[in-house]
Amino acid sequence: MNRRRLLQLSAGAAVSGALPGFAFALDYPARPVRIIVPYPPGIAPDIVARLVAQALSERLKQQFVVDNRSGGASNVGTSIVAHAVPDGYTLLVVTTTNTINTSISISSAILHRSRDSSG
C-alpha cells in the first residue's frame, strides 16, 4: 500500500465519524432475511449470528432467520450464499476459515470470488 492510498483511507475513516450512523433503503428488508452460518449450532459464529439476528429483527421490524449449513470446512454454507440471488436477502457469517478456504485449491471449485461474488 502506498503512502497516498494510506492517507486517503485515513481521511475517509476520519470523515466517516461525521456521517450518520446508518443508511437504509426505503423498503429494505421487505421480506425475511436469511443468515447462513456455515458451522453447527451452538458454537461462537452461531451464537453471534443469533444475537445479531435478534437485534436486527427488533430494529428493522423484519424477521432475520439463522440457517446453519455446516460441512466441508464451511464450504457448504459459503457455496449456498455465493450462488444465491445477489439481492441482500442472503447473508453469510464468515470467520478466518472462509479466508483460508478461498486461498486453497479445494474451494476454488466451489467459490470463485471474482465470478460468484457480487460485491
N, C-alpha and C. Protein backbone atom coordinates (compact mmCIF):
# COMPACT_ATOMS: atom_id res chain seq x y z
N MET A 1 0.87 -1.17 0.00
CA MET A 1 0.00 0.00 0.00
C MET A 1 0.91 1.23 0.00
N ASN A 2 0.62 2.12 -0.93
CA ASN A 2 1.47 3.30 -0.99
C ASN A 2 0.98 4.37 -0.02
N ARG A 3 1.78 5.38 0.16
CA ARG A 3 1.50 6.43 1.14
C ARG A 3 0.22 7.21 0.81
N ARG A 4 0.02 7.50 -0.47
CA ARG A 4 -1.17 8.25 -0.89
C ARG A 4 -2.46 7.48 -0.55
N ARG A 5 -2.47 6.18 -0.83
CA ARG A 5 -3.65 5.36 -0.54
C ARG A 5 -3.90 5.31 0.97
N LEU A 6 -2.85 5.21 1.76
CA LEU A 6 -2.99 5.19 3.21
C LEU A 6 -3.59 6.50 3.72
N LEU A 7 -3.15 7.62 3.16
CA LEU A 7 -3.71 8.92 3.55
C LEU A 7 -5.18 9.04 3.14
N GLN A 8 -5.53 8.52 1.97
CA GLN A 8 -6.92 8.54 1.52
C GLN A 8 -7.81 7.72 2.46
N LEU A 9 -7.34 6.54 2.82
CA LEU A 9 -8.11 5.70 3.73
C LEU A 9 -8.25 6.34 5.11
N SER A 10 -7.17 6.96 5.58
CA SER A 10 -7.22 7.63 6.88
C SER A 10 -8.20 8.79 6.86
N ALA A 11 -8.18 9.57 5.79
CA ALA A 11 -9.12 10.70 5.67
C ALA A 11 -10.56 10.20 5.61
N GLY A 12 -10.76 9.13 4.87
CA GLY A 12 -12.11 8.55 4.79
C GLY A 12 -12.60 8.05 6.13
N ALA A 13 -11.72 7.43 6.89
CA ALA A 13 -12.10 6.95 8.22
C ALA A 13 -12.40 8.11 9.16
N ALA A 14 -11.65 9.19 9.04
CA ALA A 14 -11.88 10.35 9.90
C ALA A 14 -13.20 11.02 9.59
N VAL A 15 -13.53 11.13 8.31
CA VAL A 15 -14.78 11.78 7.90
C VAL A 15 -15.99 10.91 8.20
N SER A 16 -15.81 9.60 8.17
CA SER A 16 -16.96 8.71 8.37
C SER A 16 -17.59 8.87 9.75
N GLY A 17 -16.86 9.37 10.72
CA GLY A 17 -17.43 9.60 12.04
C GLY A 17 -18.45 10.73 12.04
N ALA A 18 -18.36 11.63 11.08
CA ALA A 18 -19.29 12.75 11.00
C ALA A 18 -20.57 12.39 10.25
N LEU A 19 -20.57 11.25 9.58
CA LEU A 19 -21.73 10.83 8.81
C LEU A 19 -22.75 10.16 9.72
N PRO A 20 -24.00 10.08 9.30
CA PRO A 20 -25.00 9.37 10.10
C PRO A 20 -24.58 7.92 10.34
N GLY A 21 -25.02 7.38 11.46
CA GLY A 21 -24.63 6.03 11.84
C GLY A 21 -25.25 4.93 11.01
N PHE A 22 -26.23 5.25 10.21
CA PHE A 22 -26.86 4.21 9.40
C PHE A 22 -27.51 4.83 8.17
N ALA A 23 -27.69 3.99 7.19
CA ALA A 23 -28.41 4.39 5.98
C ALA A 23 -29.18 3.17 5.51
N PHE A 24 -30.43 3.34 5.19
CA PHE A 24 -31.27 2.24 4.78
C PHE A 24 -31.94 2.54 3.45
N ALA A 25 -32.16 1.52 2.67
CA ALA A 25 -33.02 1.66 1.52
C ALA A 25 -34.44 1.81 2.06
N LEU A 26 -35.29 2.45 1.32
CA LEU A 26 -36.62 2.74 1.83
C LEU A 26 -37.41 1.51 2.22
N ASP A 27 -37.28 0.44 1.47
CA ASP A 27 -38.11 -0.73 1.75
C ASP A 27 -37.31 -1.98 2.10
N TYR A 28 -36.08 -1.83 2.53
CA TYR A 28 -35.29 -3.00 2.91
C TYR A 28 -35.31 -3.17 4.41
N PRO A 29 -35.54 -4.32 4.89
CA PRO A 29 -35.92 -5.54 4.20
C PRO A 29 -37.43 -5.64 4.06
N ALA A 30 -37.87 -6.01 2.91
CA ALA A 30 -39.31 -6.14 2.63
C ALA A 30 -39.79 -7.56 2.89
N ARG A 31 -38.86 -8.48 3.09
CA ARG A 31 -39.21 -9.88 3.40
C ARG A 31 -38.13 -10.43 4.34
N PRO A 32 -38.33 -11.61 4.89
CA PRO A 32 -37.33 -12.16 5.82
C PRO A 32 -35.94 -12.29 5.18
N VAL A 33 -34.93 -12.06 6.00
CA VAL A 33 -33.54 -12.15 5.56
C VAL A 33 -32.96 -13.43 6.14
N ARG A 34 -32.24 -14.16 5.31
CA ARG A 34 -31.64 -15.43 5.72
C ARG A 34 -30.16 -15.22 6.00
N ILE A 35 -29.74 -15.60 7.20
CA ILE A 35 -28.33 -15.51 7.59
C ILE A 35 -27.77 -16.92 7.63
N ILE A 36 -26.88 -17.22 6.71
CA ILE A 36 -26.28 -18.55 6.64
C ILE A 36 -25.06 -18.59 7.56
N VAL A 37 -25.05 -19.57 8.45
CA VAL A 37 -23.89 -19.82 9.33
C VAL A 37 -23.31 -21.16 8.89
N PRO A 38 -22.11 -21.16 8.31
CA PRO A 38 -21.56 -22.42 7.79
C PRO A 38 -20.91 -23.30 8.86
N TYR A 39 -21.49 -23.29 10.03
CA TYR A 39 -20.98 -24.06 11.17
C TYR A 39 -22.15 -24.66 11.92
N PRO A 40 -21.90 -25.67 12.76
CA PRO A 40 -23.00 -26.28 13.52
C PRO A 40 -23.55 -25.34 14.60
N PRO A 41 -24.78 -25.59 15.04
CA PRO A 41 -25.37 -24.76 16.09
C PRO A 41 -24.59 -24.87 17.40
N GLY A 42 -24.60 -23.77 18.15
CA GLY A 42 -24.04 -23.79 19.50
C GLY A 42 -22.62 -23.30 19.63
N ILE A 43 -21.92 -23.09 18.52
CA ILE A 43 -20.56 -22.57 18.65
C ILE A 43 -20.56 -21.07 18.37
N ALA A 44 -19.43 -20.43 18.58
CA ALA A 44 -19.35 -18.96 18.57
C ALA A 44 -19.98 -18.28 17.35
N PRO A 45 -19.70 -18.69 16.11
CA PRO A 45 -20.33 -17.99 14.98
C PRO A 45 -21.85 -18.07 15.00
N ASP A 46 -22.38 -19.20 15.43
CA ASP A 46 -23.84 -19.37 15.52
C ASP A 46 -24.42 -18.46 16.60
N ILE A 47 -23.78 -18.40 17.75
CA ILE A 47 -24.28 -17.56 18.85
C ILE A 47 -24.26 -16.09 18.45
N VAL A 48 -23.17 -15.65 17.83
CA VAL A 48 -23.08 -14.26 17.38
C VAL A 48 -24.15 -13.97 16.34
N ALA A 49 -24.34 -14.88 15.40
CA ALA A 49 -25.36 -14.68 14.35
C ALA A 49 -26.75 -14.57 14.96
N ARG A 50 -27.05 -15.38 15.95
CA ARG A 50 -28.38 -15.33 16.58
C ARG A 50 -28.60 -14.02 17.35
N LEU A 51 -27.55 -13.55 18.02
CA LEU A 51 -27.67 -12.27 18.73
C LEU A 51 -27.86 -11.11 17.75
N VAL A 52 -27.09 -11.12 16.68
CA VAL A 52 -27.21 -10.07 15.67
C VAL A 52 -28.57 -10.15 14.98
N ALA A 53 -29.02 -11.35 14.66
CA ALA A 53 -30.32 -11.53 14.01
C ALA A 53 -31.45 -11.01 14.89
N GLN A 54 -31.39 -11.29 16.17
CA GLN A 54 -32.42 -10.81 17.08
C GLN A 54 -32.43 -9.28 17.14
N ALA A 55 -31.26 -8.68 17.24
CA ALA A 55 -31.18 -7.22 17.30
C ALA A 55 -31.67 -6.59 16.00
N LEU A 56 -31.29 -7.16 14.86
CA LEU A 56 -31.74 -6.62 13.58
C LEU A 56 -33.24 -6.78 13.41
N SER A 57 -33.78 -7.92 13.83
CA SER A 57 -35.22 -8.15 13.74
C SER A 57 -35.99 -7.11 14.54
N GLU A 58 -35.52 -6.82 15.73
CA GLU A 58 -36.18 -5.83 16.57
C GLU A 58 -36.06 -4.43 15.99
N ARG A 59 -34.90 -4.11 15.47
CA ARG A 59 -34.66 -2.76 14.96
C ARG A 59 -35.34 -2.50 13.61
N LEU A 60 -35.30 -3.49 12.72
CA LEU A 60 -35.82 -3.30 11.37
C LEU A 60 -37.24 -3.83 11.18
N LYS A 61 -37.80 -4.43 12.22
CA LYS A 61 -39.18 -4.94 12.18
C LYS A 61 -39.39 -5.95 11.05
N GLN A 62 -38.39 -6.79 10.85
CA GLN A 62 -38.48 -7.86 9.85
C GLN A 62 -37.70 -9.05 10.39
N GLN A 63 -38.12 -10.23 10.01
CA GLN A 63 -37.50 -11.44 10.53
C GLN A 63 -36.15 -11.71 9.88
N PHE A 64 -35.15 -12.02 10.71
CA PHE A 64 -33.83 -12.46 10.26
C PHE A 64 -33.67 -13.89 10.74
N VAL A 65 -33.57 -14.82 9.81
CA VAL A 65 -33.55 -16.25 10.11
C VAL A 65 -32.12 -16.77 10.04
N VAL A 66 -31.67 -17.43 11.10
CA VAL A 66 -30.33 -18.03 11.12
C VAL A 66 -30.46 -19.46 10.61
N ASP A 67 -29.69 -19.79 9.59
CA ASP A 67 -29.73 -21.09 8.94
C ASP A 67 -28.34 -21.71 9.00
N ASN A 68 -28.17 -22.74 9.85
CA ASN A 68 -26.88 -23.41 9.98
C ASN A 68 -26.71 -24.42 8.85
N ARG A 69 -25.65 -24.26 8.07
CA ARG A 69 -25.33 -25.16 6.97
C ARG A 69 -23.88 -25.58 7.09
N SER A 70 -23.61 -26.44 8.05
CA SER A 70 -22.24 -26.86 8.31
C SER A 70 -21.82 -27.95 7.32
N GLY A 71 -20.52 -28.12 7.22
CA GLY A 71 -19.97 -29.18 6.38
C GLY A 71 -18.92 -28.64 5.43
N GLY A 72 -18.00 -29.50 5.07
CA GLY A 72 -16.98 -29.14 4.10
C GLY A 72 -16.10 -27.99 4.54
N ALA A 73 -15.78 -27.91 5.82
CA ALA A 73 -14.94 -26.83 6.35
C ALA A 73 -15.51 -25.47 5.99
N SER A 74 -16.81 -25.33 6.11
CA SER A 74 -17.60 -24.12 5.85
C SER A 74 -17.87 -23.86 4.37
N ASN A 75 -17.43 -24.74 3.50
CA ASN A 75 -17.64 -24.55 2.06
C ASN A 75 -19.09 -24.75 1.65
N VAL A 76 -19.84 -25.58 2.36
CA VAL A 76 -21.23 -25.83 2.00
C VAL A 76 -22.05 -24.55 2.15
N GLY A 77 -21.98 -23.94 3.31
CA GLY A 77 -22.73 -22.71 3.54
C GLY A 77 -22.25 -21.57 2.67
N THR A 78 -20.95 -21.47 2.49
CA THR A 78 -20.39 -20.41 1.65
C THR A 78 -20.85 -20.56 0.21
N SER A 79 -20.91 -21.77 -0.28
CA SER A 79 -21.36 -22.02 -1.64
C SER A 79 -22.83 -21.63 -1.82
N ILE A 80 -23.65 -21.90 -0.81
CA ILE A 80 -25.06 -21.52 -0.87
C ILE A 80 -25.20 -20.01 -1.04
N VAL A 81 -24.45 -19.27 -0.27
CA VAL A 81 -24.53 -17.80 -0.35
C VAL A 81 -23.93 -17.30 -1.66
N ALA A 82 -22.83 -17.90 -2.10
CA ALA A 82 -22.18 -17.47 -3.34
C ALA A 82 -23.10 -17.64 -4.54
N HIS A 83 -23.97 -18.64 -4.50
CA HIS A 83 -24.86 -18.89 -5.62
C HIS A 83 -26.28 -18.37 -5.41
N ALA A 84 -26.51 -17.66 -4.32
CA ALA A 84 -27.83 -17.07 -4.06
C ALA A 84 -28.01 -15.82 -4.92
N VAL A 85 -29.24 -15.43 -5.10
CA VAL A 85 -29.53 -14.19 -5.83
C VAL A 85 -28.90 -13.02 -5.06
N PRO A 86 -28.14 -12.16 -5.72
CA PRO A 86 -27.46 -11.06 -5.02
C PRO A 86 -28.40 -9.88 -4.72
N ASP A 87 -29.40 -10.14 -3.89
CA ASP A 87 -30.39 -9.10 -3.57
C ASP A 87 -30.29 -8.60 -2.13
N GLY A 88 -29.33 -9.11 -1.36
CA GLY A 88 -29.16 -8.67 0.01
C GLY A 88 -30.02 -9.41 1.02
N TYR A 89 -30.73 -10.43 0.59
CA TYR A 89 -31.58 -11.19 1.49
C TYR A 89 -30.96 -12.52 1.92
N THR A 90 -29.75 -12.80 1.50
CA THR A 90 -29.00 -13.95 1.97
C THR A 90 -27.64 -13.45 2.41
N LEU A 91 -27.37 -13.57 3.71
CA LEU A 91 -26.12 -13.07 4.29
C LEU A 91 -25.29 -14.25 4.76
N LEU A 92 -23.99 -14.03 4.92
CA LEU A 92 -23.08 -15.08 5.36
C LEU A 92 -22.28 -14.62 6.56
N VAL A 93 -22.20 -15.47 7.57
CA VAL A 93 -21.32 -15.23 8.71
C VAL A 93 -19.98 -15.84 8.34
N VAL A 94 -18.92 -15.03 8.37
CA VAL A 94 -17.61 -15.52 7.98
C VAL A 94 -16.64 -15.50 9.15
N THR A 95 -15.68 -16.39 9.09
CA THR A 95 -14.58 -16.44 10.05
C THR A 95 -13.29 -16.57 9.24
N THR A 96 -12.19 -16.72 9.92
CA THR A 96 -10.92 -16.87 9.19
C THR A 96 -10.91 -18.13 8.33
N THR A 97 -11.70 -19.11 8.68
CA THR A 97 -11.77 -20.33 7.87
C THR A 97 -12.18 -20.02 6.44
N ASN A 98 -13.13 -19.11 6.27
CA ASN A 98 -13.57 -18.75 4.92
C ASN A 98 -12.44 -18.14 4.11
N THR A 99 -11.62 -17.32 4.74
CA THR A 99 -10.50 -16.69 4.05
C THR A 99 -9.47 -17.74 3.65
N ILE A 100 -9.21 -18.66 4.53
CA ILE A 100 -8.25 -19.73 4.23
C ILE A 100 -8.78 -20.62 3.12
N ASN A 101 -10.05 -20.97 3.18
CA ASN A 101 -10.63 -21.86 2.17
C ASN A 101 -10.59 -21.27 0.77
N THR A 102 -10.78 -19.97 0.65
CA THR A 102 -10.75 -19.38 -0.68
C THR A 102 -9.34 -19.28 -1.24
N SER A 103 -8.34 -19.48 -0.39
CA SER A 103 -6.96 -19.40 -0.87
C SER A 103 -6.37 -20.77 -1.23
N ILE A 104 -7.10 -21.84 -0.93
CA ILE A 104 -6.59 -23.16 -1.28
C ILE A 104 -7.37 -23.74 -2.46
N SER A 105 -6.80 -24.69 -3.11
CA SER A 105 -7.38 -25.17 -4.36
C SER A 105 -8.68 -25.94 -4.18
N ILE A 106 -8.92 -26.55 -3.03
CA ILE A 106 -10.15 -27.32 -2.84
C ILE A 106 -11.37 -26.44 -3.02
N SER A 107 -11.36 -25.25 -2.44
CA SER A 107 -12.53 -24.40 -2.52
C SER A 107 -12.65 -23.68 -3.85
N SER A 108 -11.61 -23.69 -4.67
CA SER A 108 -11.71 -22.98 -5.94
C SER A 108 -12.77 -23.60 -6.84
N ALA A 109 -13.07 -24.87 -6.65
CA ALA A 109 -14.14 -25.49 -7.42
C ALA A 109 -15.51 -25.07 -6.93
N ILE A 110 -15.61 -24.60 -5.69
CA ILE A 110 -16.88 -24.23 -5.10
C ILE A 110 -17.13 -22.73 -5.21
N LEU A 111 -16.14 -21.94 -4.93
CA LEU A 111 -16.33 -20.50 -4.87
C LEU A 111 -15.21 -19.80 -5.63
N HIS A 112 -15.58 -19.12 -6.69
CA HIS A 112 -14.65 -18.28 -7.41
C HIS A 112 -15.00 -16.85 -7.05
N ARG A 113 -14.21 -16.27 -6.19
CA ARG A 113 -14.53 -14.95 -5.62
C ARG A 113 -14.83 -13.93 -6.70
N SER A 114 -14.06 -13.85 -7.74
CA SER A 114 -14.29 -12.84 -8.77
C SER A 114 -15.53 -13.15 -9.60
N ARG A 115 -15.86 -14.40 -9.78
CA ARG A 115 -17.00 -14.77 -10.62
C ARG A 115 -18.30 -14.82 -9.82
N ASP A 116 -18.29 -15.40 -8.62
CA ASP A 116 -19.51 -15.64 -7.87
C ASP A 116 -19.90 -14.53 -6.92
N SER A 117 -18.98 -13.68 -6.57
CA SER A 117 -19.25 -12.65 -5.58
C SER A 117 -19.81 -11.42 -6.26
N SER A 118 -20.83 -10.82 -5.66
CA SER A 118 -21.44 -9.64 -6.28
C SER A 118 -20.87 -8.36 -5.72
N GLY A 119 -20.02 -8.44 -4.71
CA GLY A 119 -19.53 -7.24 -4.04
C GLY A 119 -18.17 -6.83 -4.44
